[in-house]
Amino acid sequence: MSKMMKRWLVVSLRIGLAIIAIMLLDGLKSLEQKHYAEIREVITKKGGIVVKIENYTPKETPFLNDYNKSNVIYKITYSHKNKTLTAWYRGVNVVNNIHAKNPTDLEGGHGEKWIFNE
């Protein structure tokens, strides 16, 4: 293989990897936006106003034993009737269905779940 072909192959591989990385990051951002929209919709339906949404590691949440890699945990601070309240949301990391009941059948995945501390 000539030097020119090797360079072209290396450049092509780098461009391909960059495109894949951009697509993955875009997918993750889209998933986060879907979770945030779901959080705002649920809190609004309860008559609340979202103040803050934070991503948490499972060890610091009520989902300590109810979580796996197919999930993401959010702590939501919201106001309702002049009170500041907290809710926890276990989201599902499936871009095309954030409401999946068992996102990873082979690994015992956990579906979406809410915990309200009222």
N, C-alpha and C. Protein backbone atom coordinates (compact mmCIF):
# COMPACT_ATOMS: atom_id res chain seq x y z
N MET A 1 0.86 -1.17 0.00
CA MET A 1 0.00 0.00 0.00
C MET A 1 0.91 1.24 0.00
N SER A 2 0.58 2.18 -0.83
CA SER A 2 1.41 3.38 -0.94
C SER A 2 1.19 4.32 0.25
N LYS A 3 2.15 5.24 0.42
CA LYS A 3 2.04 6.23 1.50
C LYS A 3 0.78 7.07 1.34
N MET A 4 0.47 7.43 0.10
CA MET A 4 -0.70 8.28 -0.17
C MET A 4 -1.99 7.55 0.23
N MET A 5 -2.08 6.27 -0.08
CA MET A 5 -3.28 5.50 0.28
C MET A 5 -3.39 5.37 1.80
N LYS A 6 -2.28 5.16 2.49
CA LYS A 6 -2.29 5.03 3.94
C LYS A 6 -2.77 6.34 4.59
N ARG A 7 -2.25 7.45 4.08
CA ARG A 7 -2.69 8.75 4.61
C ARG A 7 -4.18 8.96 4.37
N TRP A 8 -4.62 8.63 3.17
CA TRP A 8 -6.03 8.79 2.84
C TRP A 8 -6.89 7.92 3.74
N LEU A 9 -6.45 6.69 4.01
CA LEU A 9 -7.17 5.77 4.89
C LEU A 9 -7.23 6.32 6.31
N VAL A 10 -6.12 6.83 6.83
CA VAL A 10 -6.09 7.39 8.18
C VAL A 10 -7.01 8.60 8.28
N VAL A 11 -6.94 9.48 7.29
CA VAL A 11 -7.80 10.68 7.29
C VAL A 11 -9.26 10.27 7.22
N SER A 12 -9.58 9.30 6.38
CA SER A 12 -10.97 8.83 6.24
C SER A 12 -11.48 8.24 7.55
N LEU A 13 -10.63 7.44 8.21
CA LEU A 13 -11.02 6.85 9.49
C LEU A 13 -11.27 7.93 10.55
N ARG A 14 -10.42 8.92 10.60
CA ARG A 14 -10.59 10.01 11.58
C ARG A 14 -11.88 10.78 11.31
N ILE A 15 -12.15 11.05 10.05
CA ILE A 15 -13.39 11.77 9.71
C ILE A 15 -14.59 10.92 10.07
N GLY A 16 -14.52 9.64 9.77
CA GLY A 16 -15.63 8.73 10.12
C GLY A 16 -15.87 8.68 11.62
N LEU A 17 -14.81 8.57 12.40
CA LEU A 17 -14.93 8.54 13.86
C LEU A 17 -15.49 9.86 14.39
N ALA A 18 -15.07 10.97 13.81
CA ALA A 18 -15.58 12.27 14.23
C ALA A 18 -17.09 12.37 13.96
N ILE A 19 -17.52 11.89 12.82
CA ILE A 19 -18.96 11.92 12.48
C ILE A 19 -19.75 11.05 13.45
N ILE A 20 -19.24 9.87 13.76
CA ILE A 20 -19.92 8.98 14.72
C ILE A 20 -19.99 9.64 16.10
N ALA A 21 -18.90 10.26 16.53
CA ALA A 21 -18.89 10.93 17.84
C ALA A 21 -19.92 12.06 17.89
N ILE A 22 -20.01 12.83 16.83
CA ILE A 22 -20.99 13.93 16.77
C ILE A 22 -22.41 13.37 16.84
N MET A 23 -22.66 12.27 16.13
CA MET A 23 -24.00 11.67 16.14
C MET A 23 -24.35 11.15 17.53
N LEU A 24 -23.39 10.53 18.21
CA LEU A 24 -23.65 10.03 19.56
C LEU A 24 -23.94 11.17 20.53
N LEU A 25 -23.15 12.22 20.46
CA LEU A 25 -23.38 13.37 21.34
C LEU A 25 -24.73 14.02 21.06
N ASP A 26 -25.10 14.11 19.80
CA ASP A 26 -26.40 14.67 19.43
C ASP A 26 -27.54 13.81 19.98
N GLY A 27 -27.38 12.48 19.91
CA GLY A 27 -28.39 11.57 20.45
C GLY A 27 -28.54 11.72 21.95
N LEU A 28 -27.42 11.85 22.66
CA LEU A 28 -27.47 12.03 24.11
C LEU A 28 -28.13 13.36 24.49
N LYS A 29 -27.83 14.40 23.74
CA LYS A 29 -28.45 15.71 24.01
C LYS A 29 -29.96 15.63 23.76
N SER A 30 -30.36 14.94 22.72
CA SER A 30 -31.77 14.77 22.40
C SER A 30 -32.48 14.01 23.53
N LEU A 31 -31.83 12.98 24.05
CA LEU A 31 -32.40 12.20 25.15
C LEU A 31 -32.57 13.07 26.39
N GLU A 32 -31.56 13.86 26.71
CA GLU A 32 -31.65 14.75 27.87
C GLU A 32 -32.80 15.75 27.68
N GLN A 33 -32.95 16.28 26.49
CA GLN A 33 -34.04 17.23 26.22
C GLN A 33 -35.40 16.56 26.38
N LYS A 34 -35.51 15.31 25.96
CA LYS A 34 -36.78 14.57 26.13
C LYS A 34 -37.07 14.36 27.62
N HIS A 35 -36.05 14.02 28.39
CA HIS A 35 -36.25 13.84 29.84
C HIS A 35 -36.68 15.16 30.49
N TYR A 36 -36.01 16.25 30.14
CA TYR A 36 -36.35 17.55 30.72
C TYR A 36 -37.79 17.94 30.36
N ALA A 37 -38.19 17.69 29.12
CA ALA A 37 -39.56 18.01 28.70
C ALA A 37 -40.57 17.16 29.48
N GLU A 38 -40.26 15.89 29.69
CA GLU A 38 -41.14 15.00 30.46
C GLU A 38 -41.24 15.48 31.90
N ILE A 39 -40.13 15.86 32.49
CA ILE A 39 -40.11 16.35 33.87
C ILE A 39 -40.99 17.60 34.00
N ARG A 40 -40.78 18.54 33.11
CA ARG A 40 -41.57 19.78 33.16
C ARG A 40 -43.06 19.50 32.97
N GLU A 41 -43.40 18.60 32.07
CA GLU A 41 -44.81 18.27 31.82
C GLU A 41 -45.46 17.64 33.05
N VAL A 42 -44.80 16.69 33.68
CA VAL A 42 -45.37 16.02 34.86
C VAL A 42 -45.52 17.00 36.02
N ILE A 43 -44.50 17.80 36.28
CA ILE A 43 -44.57 18.76 37.39
C ILE A 43 -45.65 19.81 37.12
N THR A 44 -45.76 20.27 35.89
CA THR A 44 -46.79 21.25 35.53
C THR A 44 -48.19 20.67 35.72
N LYS A 45 -48.39 19.41 35.34
CA LYS A 45 -49.70 18.76 35.52
C LYS A 45 -50.07 18.66 37.00
N LYS A 46 -49.07 18.59 37.88
CA LYS A 46 -49.33 18.55 39.32
C LYS A 46 -49.55 19.95 39.89
N GLY A 47 -49.47 20.98 39.03
CA GLY A 47 -49.67 22.35 39.48
C GLY A 47 -48.40 23.01 39.98
N GLY A 48 -47.27 22.40 39.69
CA GLY A 48 -46.00 22.94 40.17
C GLY A 48 -45.23 23.68 39.10
N ILE A 49 -44.15 24.31 39.53
CA ILE A 49 -43.25 25.02 38.64
C ILE A 49 -41.84 24.50 38.91
N VAL A 50 -41.18 24.00 37.87
CA VAL A 50 -39.82 23.47 38.02
C VAL A 50 -38.86 24.61 38.32
N VAL A 51 -38.09 24.43 39.38
CA VAL A 51 -37.08 25.40 39.77
C VAL A 51 -35.70 24.93 39.31
N LYS A 52 -35.43 23.63 39.50
CA LYS A 52 -34.09 23.12 39.18
C LYS A 52 -34.17 21.63 38.85
N ILE A 53 -33.40 21.21 37.84
CA ILE A 53 -33.28 19.80 37.47
C ILE A 53 -31.80 19.45 37.55
N GLU A 54 -31.48 18.41 38.35
CA GLU A 54 -30.09 18.01 38.53
C GLU A 54 -29.93 16.52 38.24
N ASN A 55 -28.85 16.17 37.58
CA ASN A 55 -28.53 14.77 37.32
C ASN A 55 -27.76 14.24 38.53
N TYR A 56 -28.16 13.07 39.03
CA TYR A 56 -27.54 12.50 40.24
C TYR A 56 -27.03 11.09 39.98
N THR A 57 -25.99 10.69 40.73
CA THR A 57 -25.56 9.30 40.70
C THR A 57 -26.52 8.51 41.59
N PRO A 58 -26.79 7.26 41.27
CA PRO A 58 -27.78 6.47 42.02
C PRO A 58 -27.48 6.34 43.50
N LYS A 59 -26.20 6.36 43.89
CA LYS A 59 -25.83 6.18 45.30
C LYS A 59 -26.39 7.28 46.19
N GLU A 60 -26.71 8.42 45.60
CA GLU A 60 -27.20 9.57 46.37
C GLU A 60 -28.71 9.74 46.27
N THR A 61 -29.42 8.69 45.82
CA THR A 61 -30.84 8.83 45.54
C THR A 61 -31.65 7.70 46.14
N PRO A 62 -32.98 7.82 46.12
CA PRO A 62 -33.84 6.72 46.57
C PRO A 62 -33.80 5.52 45.63
N PHE A 63 -33.13 5.62 44.49
CA PHE A 63 -33.07 4.54 43.51
C PHE A 63 -31.79 3.71 43.64
N LEU A 64 -31.15 3.75 44.78
CA LEU A 64 -29.87 3.07 44.99
C LEU A 64 -29.89 1.62 44.51
N ASN A 65 -30.93 0.86 44.86
CA ASN A 65 -31.02 -0.55 44.49
C ASN A 65 -31.99 -0.79 43.34
N ASP A 66 -32.39 0.25 42.68
CA ASP A 66 -33.44 0.17 41.67
C ASP A 66 -32.98 0.92 40.41
N TYR A 67 -31.79 0.54 39.91
CA TYR A 67 -31.14 1.31 38.87
C TYR A 67 -30.16 0.42 38.12
N ASN A 68 -29.97 0.68 36.83
CA ASN A 68 -28.86 0.08 36.10
C ASN A 68 -28.43 1.02 34.99
N LYS A 69 -27.53 0.56 34.13
CA LYS A 69 -26.95 1.44 33.11
C LYS A 69 -27.97 1.97 32.10
N SER A 70 -29.15 1.41 32.07
CA SER A 70 -30.18 1.90 31.13
C SER A 70 -30.97 3.06 31.71
N ASN A 71 -30.60 3.52 32.90
CA ASN A 71 -31.33 4.59 33.57
C ASN A 71 -30.46 5.82 33.81
N VAL A 72 -31.15 6.94 34.03
CA VAL A 72 -30.53 8.18 34.46
C VAL A 72 -31.43 8.74 35.56
N ILE A 73 -30.83 9.29 36.61
CA ILE A 73 -31.59 9.78 37.76
C ILE A 73 -31.51 11.30 37.83
N TYR A 74 -32.67 11.92 38.02
CA TYR A 74 -32.75 13.38 38.16
C TYR A 74 -33.40 13.73 39.50
N LYS A 75 -32.87 14.75 40.14
CA LYS A 75 -33.51 15.35 41.31
C LYS A 75 -34.15 16.64 40.82
N ILE A 76 -35.44 16.78 41.09
CA ILE A 76 -36.17 17.95 40.63
C ILE A 76 -36.62 18.75 41.85
N THR A 77 -36.25 20.02 41.86
CA THR A 77 -36.74 20.94 42.87
C THR A 77 -37.82 21.76 42.19
N TYR A 78 -38.99 21.83 42.83
CA TYR A 78 -40.10 22.57 42.23
C TYR A 78 -40.91 23.27 43.31
N SER A 79 -41.67 24.27 42.88
CA SER A 79 -42.51 24.98 43.83
C SER A 79 -43.97 24.65 43.54
N HIS A 80 -44.74 24.55 44.64
CA HIS A 80 -46.17 24.26 44.54
C HIS A 80 -46.86 24.86 45.77
N LYS A 81 -47.80 25.74 45.52
CA LYS A 81 -48.54 26.41 46.61
C LYS A 81 -47.59 27.02 47.64
N ASN A 82 -46.65 27.79 47.16
CA ASN A 82 -45.68 28.51 48.00
C ASN A 82 -44.78 27.60 48.84
N LYS A 83 -44.63 26.36 48.43
CA LYS A 83 -43.72 25.43 49.10
C LYS A 83 -42.67 24.98 48.09
N THR A 84 -41.46 24.75 48.57
CA THR A 84 -40.42 24.17 47.74
C THR A 84 -40.39 22.68 48.02
N LEU A 85 -40.58 21.87 46.97
CA LEU A 85 -40.67 20.42 47.11
C LEU A 85 -39.60 19.75 46.24
N THR A 86 -39.41 18.45 46.51
CA THR A 86 -38.43 17.67 45.76
C THR A 86 -39.11 16.45 45.17
N ALA A 87 -38.71 16.11 43.96
CA ALA A 87 -39.14 14.87 43.31
C ALA A 87 -37.91 14.20 42.71
N TRP A 88 -38.00 12.89 42.54
CA TRP A 88 -36.94 12.12 41.90
C TRP A 88 -37.53 11.44 40.68
N TYR A 89 -36.78 11.45 39.59
CA TYR A 89 -37.24 10.82 38.36
C TYR A 89 -36.17 9.87 37.85
N ARG A 90 -36.56 8.61 37.68
CA ARG A 90 -35.66 7.63 37.06
C ARG A 90 -36.06 7.54 35.59
N GLY A 91 -35.24 8.14 34.75
CA GLY A 91 -35.50 8.14 33.32
C GLY A 91 -34.89 6.92 32.66
N VAL A 92 -35.36 6.65 31.45
CA VAL A 92 -34.88 5.52 30.66
C VAL A 92 -34.01 6.05 29.52
N ASN A 93 -32.85 5.47 29.34
CA ASN A 93 -31.92 5.89 28.30
C ASN A 93 -32.21 5.20 26.96
N VAL A 94 -33.42 5.37 26.46
CA VAL A 94 -33.81 4.84 25.16
C VAL A 94 -34.37 6.02 24.38
N VAL A 95 -33.63 6.51 23.39
CA VAL A 95 -33.99 7.74 22.69
C VAL A 95 -35.37 7.67 22.07
N ASN A 96 -35.74 6.54 21.48
CA ASN A 96 -37.03 6.46 20.80
C ASN A 96 -38.20 6.06 21.71
N ASN A 97 -37.94 5.80 23.02
CA ASN A 97 -39.03 5.48 23.95
C ASN A 97 -38.58 5.70 25.40
N ILE A 98 -38.71 6.93 25.88
CA ILE A 98 -38.27 7.22 27.26
C ILE A 98 -39.23 6.64 28.30
N HIS A 99 -40.35 6.04 27.84
CA HIS A 99 -41.31 5.43 28.76
C HIS A 99 -41.22 3.90 28.77
N ALA A 100 -40.14 3.35 28.24
CA ALA A 100 -39.98 1.90 28.15
C ALA A 100 -40.09 1.29 29.55
N LYS A 101 -40.82 0.17 29.63
CA LYS A 101 -41.03 -0.50 30.93
C LYS A 101 -39.80 -1.29 31.36
N ASN A 102 -39.16 -1.98 30.43
CA ASN A 102 -37.97 -2.77 30.74
C ASN A 102 -36.99 -2.58 29.60
N PRO A 103 -36.19 -1.52 29.66
CA PRO A 103 -35.34 -1.15 28.53
C PRO A 103 -34.25 -2.15 28.17
N THR A 104 -33.80 -2.96 29.11
CA THR A 104 -32.76 -3.95 28.81
C THR A 104 -33.20 -5.30 29.35
N ASP A 105 -34.02 -5.99 28.60
CA ASP A 105 -34.59 -7.28 29.03
C ASP A 105 -33.54 -8.27 29.52
N LEU A 106 -32.41 -8.32 28.85
CA LEU A 106 -31.40 -9.30 29.21
C LEU A 106 -30.66 -8.95 30.49
N GLU A 107 -30.72 -7.70 30.92
CA GLU A 107 -29.97 -7.28 32.10
C GLU A 107 -30.87 -6.78 33.23
N GLY A 108 -32.16 -7.04 33.15
CA GLY A 108 -33.07 -6.62 34.21
C GLY A 108 -33.21 -5.13 34.34
N GLY A 109 -33.43 -4.45 33.23
CA GLY A 109 -33.55 -2.99 33.24
C GLY A 109 -34.76 -2.51 34.02
N HIS A 110 -34.74 -1.25 34.40
CA HIS A 110 -35.82 -0.65 35.16
C HIS A 110 -36.49 0.43 34.32
N GLY A 111 -37.81 0.45 34.34
CA GLY A 111 -38.56 1.45 33.61
C GLY A 111 -38.56 2.79 34.32
N GLU A 112 -39.22 3.74 33.70
CA GLU A 112 -39.28 5.09 34.27
C GLU A 112 -40.09 5.05 35.56
N LYS A 113 -39.71 5.92 36.52
CA LYS A 113 -40.41 5.95 37.81
C LYS A 113 -40.24 7.31 38.46
N TRP A 114 -41.28 7.72 39.17
CA TRP A 114 -41.26 8.99 39.93
C TRP A 114 -41.38 8.71 41.41
N ILE A 115 -40.70 9.53 42.21
CA ILE A 115 -40.87 9.55 43.67
C ILE A 115 -41.06 11.01 44.05
N PHE A 116 -42.20 11.31 44.67
CA PHE A 116 -42.48 12.67 45.11
C PHE A 116 -42.36 12.76 46.62
N ASN A 117 -41.53 13.69 47.10
CA ASN A 117 -41.39 13.94 48.54
C ASN A 117 -42.26 15.14 48.88
N GLU A 118 -43.51 14.88 49.18
CA GLU A 118 -44.44 15.97 49.44
C GLU A 118 -44.79 16.07 50.90
